[in-house]
Amino acid sequence: TEVPAPRHLGSFADEPPLASPAIEEDDLTDKSDWLQNLPRPSLFSTPAAARYRSYLETLLAVDELVERLIDQLEESGVLDNTIVVFTSDNGITFGAHGSIGDKNLPYEETVDVPLYVRGPGFTAGEIRDQPVGHIDVVPTLLAAAGVEAPVPIDGEALQPFAADPTYRSDRDRKSTRLNSSHTDISRMPSSA
């Protein structure tokens, strides 16, 4: 359960619940039996809505932390030569497919995670839809540093993806979209 910083309690008290066709699905016959048999939560119910709002309030402290980091890098004079990667290990459901707070389901809400990159080689505000993922972070940082991996590693540097929206890898896997920002990374939309 998310626990917001006391200074952020109530910041999203009036935030409406998420709206999505996957939320409060009427027909779950295409889902697994165990999911069909779960109690059907309502995102508008008090526990579900409170959990969603608490999640948003918790992210405000993360926003503050990232803002302080970016400010410190700028004050130190190294921001323009620093790559900052912001991502998550998983998404989360807030009522999608009858599940609240699950992060292990094989649905878009749990596998589509944010991947924001800020720094040299990544144009501000660009969004790419090529399949990329966490496996590409280390090759990206090595390429930016001009260093070869001492041993073979998986993944690809993200710079070619960022430079060319038509660039495609030969891999075939579900991943996430590449987002980049040269502006204020702390103002990126929070995503689950």
C-alpha atoms as a PDB file:
ATOM      1  CA  THR A   1       0.000   0.000   0.000  1.00  0.00           C
ATOM      2  CA  GLU A   2       1.250   3.446  -0.906  1.00  0.00           C
ATOM      3  CA  VAL A   3       1.854   5.889   1.931  1.00  0.00           C
ATOM      4  CA  PRO A   4       2.015   9.523   0.823  1.00  0.00           C
ATOM      5  CA  ALA A   5       4.206  12.049   2.578  1.00  0.00           C
ATOM      6  CA  PRO A   6       2.096  13.909   5.173  1.00  0.00           C
ATOM      7  CA  ARG A   7       2.517  17.166   3.198  1.00  0.00           C
ATOM      8  CA  HIS A   8       0.756  15.550   0.216  1.00  0.00           C
ATOM      9  CA  LEU A   9      -2.211  13.987   1.992  1.00  0.00           C
ATOM     10  CA  GLY A  10      -5.415  15.132   0.331  1.00  0.00           C
ATOM     11  CA  SER A  11      -3.677  16.635  -2.712  1.00  0.00           C
ATOM     12  CA  PHE A  12      -5.817  14.495  -5.012  1.00  0.00           C
ATOM     13  CA  ALA A  13      -8.970  14.382  -2.902  1.00  0.00           C
ATOM     14  CA  ASP A  14     -11.084  15.557  -5.840  1.00  0.00           C
ATOM     15  CA  GLU A  15      -9.330  13.464  -8.495  1.00  0.00           C
ATOM     16  CA  PRO A  16     -11.871  11.448 -10.485  1.00  0.00           C
ATOM     17  CA  PRO A  17     -11.321   7.718 -10.896  1.00  0.00           C
ATOM     18  CA  LEU A  18      -9.567   6.451 -13.999  1.00  0.00           C
ATOM     19  CA  ALA A  19     -11.675   6.050 -17.097  1.00  0.00           C
ATOM     20  CA  SER A  20     -10.901   3.173 -19.429  1.00  0.00           C
ATOM     21  CA  PRO A  21     -12.866   0.516 -21.319  1.00  0.00           C
ATOM     22  CA  ALA A  22     -10.949  -2.068 -19.263  1.00  0.00           C
ATOM     23  CA  ILE A  23     -12.249  -0.658 -15.993  1.00  0.00           C
ATOM     24  CA  GLU A  24     -15.400  -2.261 -14.702  1.00  0.00           C
ATOM     25  CA  GLU A  25     -15.666  -4.591 -17.695  1.00  0.00           C
ATOM     26  CA  ASP A  26     -19.056  -6.209 -17.796  1.00  0.00           C
ATOM     27  CA  ASP A  27     -17.898  -9.300 -19.660  1.00  0.00           C
ATOM     28  CA  LEU A  28     -14.827 -11.118 -18.314  1.00  0.00           C
ATOM     29  CA  THR A  29     -15.498 -14.381 -20.164  1.00  0.00           C
ATOM     30  CA  ASP A  30     -12.302 -13.888 -22.164  1.00  0.00           C
ATOM     31  CA  LYS A  31     -10.266 -13.734 -18.928  1.00  0.00           C
ATOM     32  CA  SER A  32      -8.893 -16.593 -16.862  1.00  0.00           C
ATOM     33  CA  ASP A  33     -11.211 -18.393 -14.436  1.00  0.00           C
ATOM     34  CA  TRP A  34      -9.437 -17.094 -11.340  1.00  0.00           C
ATOM     35  CA  LEU A  35      -9.835 -13.500 -12.530  1.00  0.00           C
ATOM     36  CA  GLN A  36     -13.500 -14.077 -13.390  1.00  0.00           C
ATOM     37  CA  ASN A  37     -14.090 -15.401  -9.871  1.00  0.00           C
ATOM     38  CA  LEU A  38     -12.523 -12.472  -8.016  1.00  0.00           C
ATOM     39  CA  PRO A  39     -14.939 -10.150  -6.222  1.00  0.00           C
ATOM     40  CA  ARG A  40     -15.814  -7.426  -8.707  1.00  0.00           C
ATOM     41  CA  PRO A  41     -14.379  -4.190  -7.343  1.00  0.00           C
ATOM     42  CA  SER A  42     -15.683  -0.850  -8.380  1.00  0.00           C
ATOM     43  CA  LEU A  43     -13.124   1.855  -8.993  1.00  0.00           C
ATOM     44  CA  PHE A  44     -15.719   4.218  -7.643  1.00  0.00           C
ATOM     45  CA  SER A  45     -15.816   2.284  -4.379  1.00  0.00           C
ATOM     46  CA  THR A  46     -14.177   3.949  -1.419  1.00  0.00           C
ATOM     47  CA  PRO A  47     -11.212   1.528  -1.088  1.00  0.00           C
ATOM     48  CA  ALA A  48     -10.396   1.550  -4.814  1.00  0.00           C
ATOM     49  CA  ALA A  49     -10.708   5.314  -5.229  1.00  0.00           C
ATOM     50  CA  ALA A  50      -8.707   5.903  -2.038  1.00  0.00           C
ATOM     51  CA  ARG A  51      -5.926   3.602  -3.259  1.00  0.00           C
ATOM     52  CA  TYR A  52      -5.715   5.399  -6.601  1.00  0.00           C
ATOM     53  CA  ARG A  53      -5.610   8.841  -4.958  1.00  0.00           C
ATOM     54  CA  SER A  54      -3.027   7.633  -2.445  1.00  0.00           C
ATOM     55  CA  TYR A  55      -0.892   6.373  -5.325  1.00  0.00           C
ATOM     56  CA  LEU A  56      -1.029   9.789  -7.014  1.00  0.00           C
ATOM     57  CA  GLU A  57      -0.184  11.553  -3.746  1.00  0.00           C
ATOM     58  CA  THR A  58       2.794   9.229  -3.194  1.00  0.00           C
ATOM     59  CA  LEU A  59       4.178  10.171  -6.601  1.00  0.00           C
ATOM     60  CA  LEU A  60       4.323  13.835  -5.596  1.00  0.00           C
ATOM     61  CA  ALA A  61       7.320  13.054  -3.346  1.00  0.00           C
ATOM     62  CA  VAL A  62       8.987  11.302  -6.283  1.00  0.00           C
ATOM     63  CA  ASP A  63       8.362  14.410  -8.407  1.00  0.00           C
ATOM     64  CA  GLU A  64      10.022  16.550  -5.743  1.00  0.00           C
ATOM     65  CA  LEU A  65      13.022  14.225  -5.552  1.00  0.00           C
ATOM     66  CA  VAL A  66      13.521  14.252  -9.330  1.00  0.00           C
ATOM     67  CA  GLU A  67      13.181  18.040  -9.409  1.00  0.00           C
ATOM     68  CA  ARG A  68      15.884  18.405  -6.731  1.00  0.00           C
ATOM     69  CA  LEU A  69      18.143  16.010  -8.653  1.00  0.00           C
ATOM     70  CA  ILE A  70      17.735  17.944 -11.919  1.00  0.00           C
ATOM     71  CA  ASP A  71      18.300  21.258 -10.104  1.00  0.00           C
ATOM     72  CA  GLN A  72      21.483  19.892  -8.484  1.00  0.00           C
ATOM     73  CA  LEU A  73      22.809  18.615 -11.812  1.00  0.00           C
ATOM     74  CA  GLU A  74      22.113  22.015 -13.362  1.00  0.00           C
ATOM     75  CA  GLU A  75      23.749  23.929 -10.502  1.00  0.00           C
ATOM     76  CA  SER A  76      26.785  21.645 -10.807  1.00  0.00           C
ATOM     77  CA  GLY A  77      27.052  22.441 -14.524  1.00  0.00           C
ATOM     78  CA  VAL A  78      26.730  18.820 -15.667  1.00  0.00           C
ATOM     79  CA  LEU A  79      23.057  18.598 -16.622  1.00  0.00           C
ATOM     80  CA  ASP A  80      23.624  19.031 -20.370  1.00  0.00           C
ATOM     81  CA  ASN A  81      26.141  16.176 -20.352  1.00  0.00           C
ATOM     82  CA  THR A  82      24.127  13.796 -18.165  1.00  0.00           C
ATOM     83  CA  ILE A  83      21.649  11.141 -19.201  1.00  0.00           C
ATOM     84  CA  VAL A  84      18.748  10.732 -16.806  1.00  0.00           C
ATOM     85  CA  VAL A  85      16.540   7.655 -17.155  1.00  0.00           C
ATOM     86  CA  PHE A  86      13.173   7.511 -15.453  1.00  0.00           C
ATOM     87  CA  THR A  87      11.240   4.263 -15.548  1.00  0.00           C
ATOM     88  CA  SER A  88       9.358   1.749 -13.437  1.00  0.00           C
ATOM     89  CA  ASP A  89       9.605  -1.983 -12.966  1.00  0.00           C
ATOM     90  CA  ASN A  90       5.919  -2.553 -13.639  1.00  0.00           C
ATOM     91  CA  GLY A  91       2.571  -0.972 -14.255  1.00  0.00           C
ATOM     92  CA  ILE A  92      -0.404  -1.441 -11.975  1.00  0.00           C
ATOM     93  CA  THR A  93      -4.137  -1.944 -12.308  1.00  0.00           C
ATOM     94  CA  PHE A  94      -6.702   0.347 -10.777  1.00  0.00           C
ATOM     95  CA  GLY A  95      -9.854  -1.558 -11.611  1.00  0.00           C
ATOM     96  CA  ALA A  96      -8.825  -2.790 -15.052  1.00  0.00           C
ATOM     97  CA  HIS A  97     -10.121  -6.279 -15.813  1.00  0.00           C
ATOM     98  CA  GLY A  98     -11.663  -6.479 -12.354  1.00  0.00           C
ATOM     99  CA  SER A  99      -8.371  -6.097 -10.504  1.00  0.00           C
ATOM    100  CA  ILE A 100      -7.191  -3.366  -8.144  1.00  0.00           C
ATOM    101  CA  GLY A 101      -3.529  -2.905  -7.386  1.00  0.00           C
ATOM    102  CA  ASP A 102      -2.272  -5.930  -9.288  1.00  0.00           C
ATOM    103  CA  LYS A 103       1.032  -5.660 -11.115  1.00  0.00           C
ATOM    104  CA  ASN A 104       1.441  -9.226 -12.355  1.00  0.00           C
ATOM    105  CA  LEU A 105      -1.346  -9.574 -14.889  1.00  0.00           C
ATOM    106  CA  PRO A 106      -0.633  -9.992 -18.616  1.00  0.00           C
ATOM    107  CA  TYR A 107      -2.476  -6.826 -19.583  1.00  0.00           C
ATOM    108  CA  GLU A 108      -1.427  -3.475 -21.001  1.00  0.00           C
ATOM    109  CA  GLU A 109      -1.921  -1.727 -17.648  1.00  0.00           C
ATOM    110  CA  THR A 110       0.850  -3.799 -16.045  1.00  0.00           C
ATOM    111  CA  VAL A 111       3.324  -4.269 -18.903  1.00  0.00           C
ATOM    112  CA  ASP A 112       3.331  -0.806 -20.489  1.00  0.00           C
ATOM    113  CA  VAL A 113       5.712   1.094 -18.241  1.00  0.00           C
ATOM    114  CA  PRO A 114       7.128   4.590 -18.630  1.00  0.00           C
ATOM    115  CA  LEU A 115      10.641   4.999 -19.994  1.00  0.00           C
ATOM    116  CA  TYR A 116      11.758   8.620 -20.133  1.00  0.00           C
ATOM    117  CA  VAL A 117      15.257   9.591 -21.194  1.00  0.00           C
ATOM    118  CA  ARG A 118      16.769  13.050 -20.881  1.00  0.00           C
ATOM    119  CA  GLY A 119      20.196  13.990 -22.149  1.00  0.00           C
ATOM    120  CA  PRO A 120      22.495  14.210 -25.145  1.00  0.00           C
ATOM    121  CA  GLY A 121      21.085  12.386 -28.163  1.00  0.00           C
ATOM    122  CA  PHE A 122      17.480  12.590 -26.973  1.00  0.00           C
ATOM    123  CA  THR A 123      15.367  15.403 -28.418  1.00  0.00           C
ATOM    124  CA  ALA A 124      13.074  17.244 -26.030  1.00  0.00           C
ATOM    125  CA  GLY A 125       9.451  16.195 -26.210  1.00  0.00           C
ATOM    126  CA  GLU A 126       9.952  13.373 -28.701  1.00  0.00           C
ATOM    127  CA  ILE A 127       7.900  10.224 -28.236  1.00  0.00           C
ATOM    128  CA  ARG A 128       8.831   7.000 -29.957  1.00  0.00           C
ATOM    129  CA  ASP A 129       6.652   3.944 -30.406  1.00  0.00           C
ATOM    130  CA  GLN A 130       9.402   1.478 -31.272  1.00  0.00           C
ATOM    131  CA  PRO A 131       9.617  -1.496 -28.901  1.00  0.00           C
ATOM    132  CA  VAL A 132      12.335  -0.892 -26.315  1.00  0.00           C
ATOM    133  CA  GLY A 133      12.755  -1.889 -22.701  1.00  0.00           C
ATOM    134  CA  HIS A 134      14.824  -1.979 -19.551  1.00  0.00           C
ATOM    135  CA  ILE A 135      17.267  -4.315 -21.233  1.00  0.00           C
ATOM    136  CA  ASP A 136      18.365  -1.324 -23.352  1.00  0.00           C
ATOM    137  CA  VAL A 137      19.327   1.026 -20.515  1.00  0.00           C
ATOM    138  CA  VAL A 138      22.849  -0.313 -19.925  1.00  0.00           C
ATOM    139  CA  PRO A 139      23.789  -0.332 -23.639  1.00  0.00           C
ATOM    140  CA  THR A 140      22.451   3.244 -23.858  1.00  0.00           C
ATOM    141  CA  LEU A 141      24.605   4.470 -20.992  1.00  0.00           C
ATOM    142  CA  LEU A 142      27.667   2.658 -22.323  1.00  0.00           C
ATOM    143  CA  ALA A 143      27.151   4.192 -25.784  1.00  0.00           C
ATOM    144  CA  ALA A 144      26.778   7.667 -24.263  1.00  0.00           C
ATOM    145  CA  ALA A 145      30.038   7.183 -22.376  1.00  0.00           C
ATOM    146  CA  GLY A 146      31.763   5.837 -25.486  1.00  0.00           C
ATOM    147  CA  VAL A 147      32.567   2.591 -23.703  1.00  0.00           C
ATOM    148  CA  GLU A 148      32.205  -0.939 -25.020  1.00  0.00           C
ATOM    149  CA  ALA A 149      30.792  -3.596 -22.731  1.00  0.00           C
ATOM    150  CA  PRO A 150      33.584  -5.838 -21.425  1.00  0.00           C
ATOM    151  CA  VAL A 151      31.406  -8.887 -22.080  1.00  0.00           C
ATOM    152  CA  PRO A 152      28.500  -9.474 -24.478  1.00  0.00           C
ATOM    153  CA  ILE A 153      25.272  -7.986 -23.130  1.00  0.00           C
ATOM    154  CA  ASP A 154      21.679  -8.070 -24.251  1.00  0.00           C
ATOM    155  CA  GLY A 155      19.804  -4.996 -25.335  1.00  0.00           C
ATOM    156  CA  GLU A 156      20.519  -2.157 -27.698  1.00  0.00           C
ATOM    157  CA  ALA A 157      21.490   1.459 -27.223  1.00  0.00           C
ATOM    158  CA  LEU A 158      18.428   3.700 -27.446  1.00  0.00           C
ATOM    159  CA  GLN A 159      20.188   6.461 -29.375  1.00  0.00           C
ATOM    160  CA  PRO A 160      19.307   4.990 -32.828  1.00  0.00           C
ATOM    161  CA  PHE A 161      15.665   4.691 -31.764  1.00  0.00           C
ATOM    162  CA  ALA A 162      15.665   8.312 -30.593  1.00  0.00           C
ATOM    163  CA  ALA A 163      17.365   9.564 -33.766  1.00  0.00           C
ATOM    164  CA  ASP A 164      15.057   7.797 -36.224  1.00  0.00           C
ATOM    165  CA  PRO A 165      11.367   7.124 -35.583  1.00  0.00           C
ATOM    166  CA  THR A 166      11.416   4.450 -38.290  1.00  0.00           C
ATOM    167  CA  TYR A 167      14.377   2.559 -36.801  1.00  0.00           C
ATOM    168  CA  ARG A 168      13.462  -1.008 -35.929  1.00  0.00           C
ATOM    169  CA  SER A 169      15.393  -3.670 -34.140  1.00  0.00           C
ATOM    170  CA  ASP A 170      15.301  -7.253 -35.316  1.00  0.00           C
ATOM    171  CA  ARG A 171      13.923  -8.343 -31.959  1.00  0.00           C
ATOM    172  CA  ASP A 172      10.269  -9.147 -31.556  1.00  0.00           C
ATOM    173  CA  ARG A 173       9.069  -8.500 -28.015  1.00  0.00           C
ATOM    174  CA  LYS A 174       6.563  -6.433 -26.117  1.00  0.00           C
ATOM    175  CA  SER A 175       8.170  -3.404 -24.564  1.00  0.00           C
ATOM    176  CA  THR A 176       7.462   0.192 -23.813  1.00  0.00           C
ATOM    177  CA  ARG A 177       7.517   3.474 -25.650  1.00  0.00           C
ATOM    178  CA  LEU A 178      10.601   5.666 -25.487  1.00  0.00           C
ATOM    179  CA  ASN A 179       9.894   9.173 -24.258  1.00  0.00           C
ATOM    180  CA  SER A 180      12.526  11.876 -23.988  1.00  0.00           C
ATOM    181  CA  SER A 181      12.659  15.251 -22.355  1.00  0.00           C
ATOM    182  CA  HIS A 182      15.191  18.040 -22.237  1.00  0.00           C
ATOM    183  CA  THR A 183      12.819  20.111 -20.206  1.00  0.00           C
ATOM    184  CA  ASP A 184      11.770  19.569 -16.613  1.00  0.00           C
ATOM    185  CA  ILE A 185      11.838  15.820 -16.016  1.00  0.00           C
ATOM    186  CA  SER A 186      10.057  16.298 -12.690  1.00  0.00           C
ATOM    187  CA  ARG A 187       6.989  17.507 -14.573  1.00  0.00           C
ATOM    188  CA  MET A 188       6.593  14.307 -16.555  1.00  0.00           C
ATOM    189  CA  PRO A 189       3.155  12.764 -16.215  1.00  0.00           C
ATOM    190  CA  SER A 190       3.089  10.048 -13.634  1.00  0.00           C
ATOM    191  CA  SER A 191       2.137   6.714 -15.099  1.00  0.00           C
ATOM    192  CA  ALA A 192       1.335   3.335 -13.656  1.00  0.00           C
END
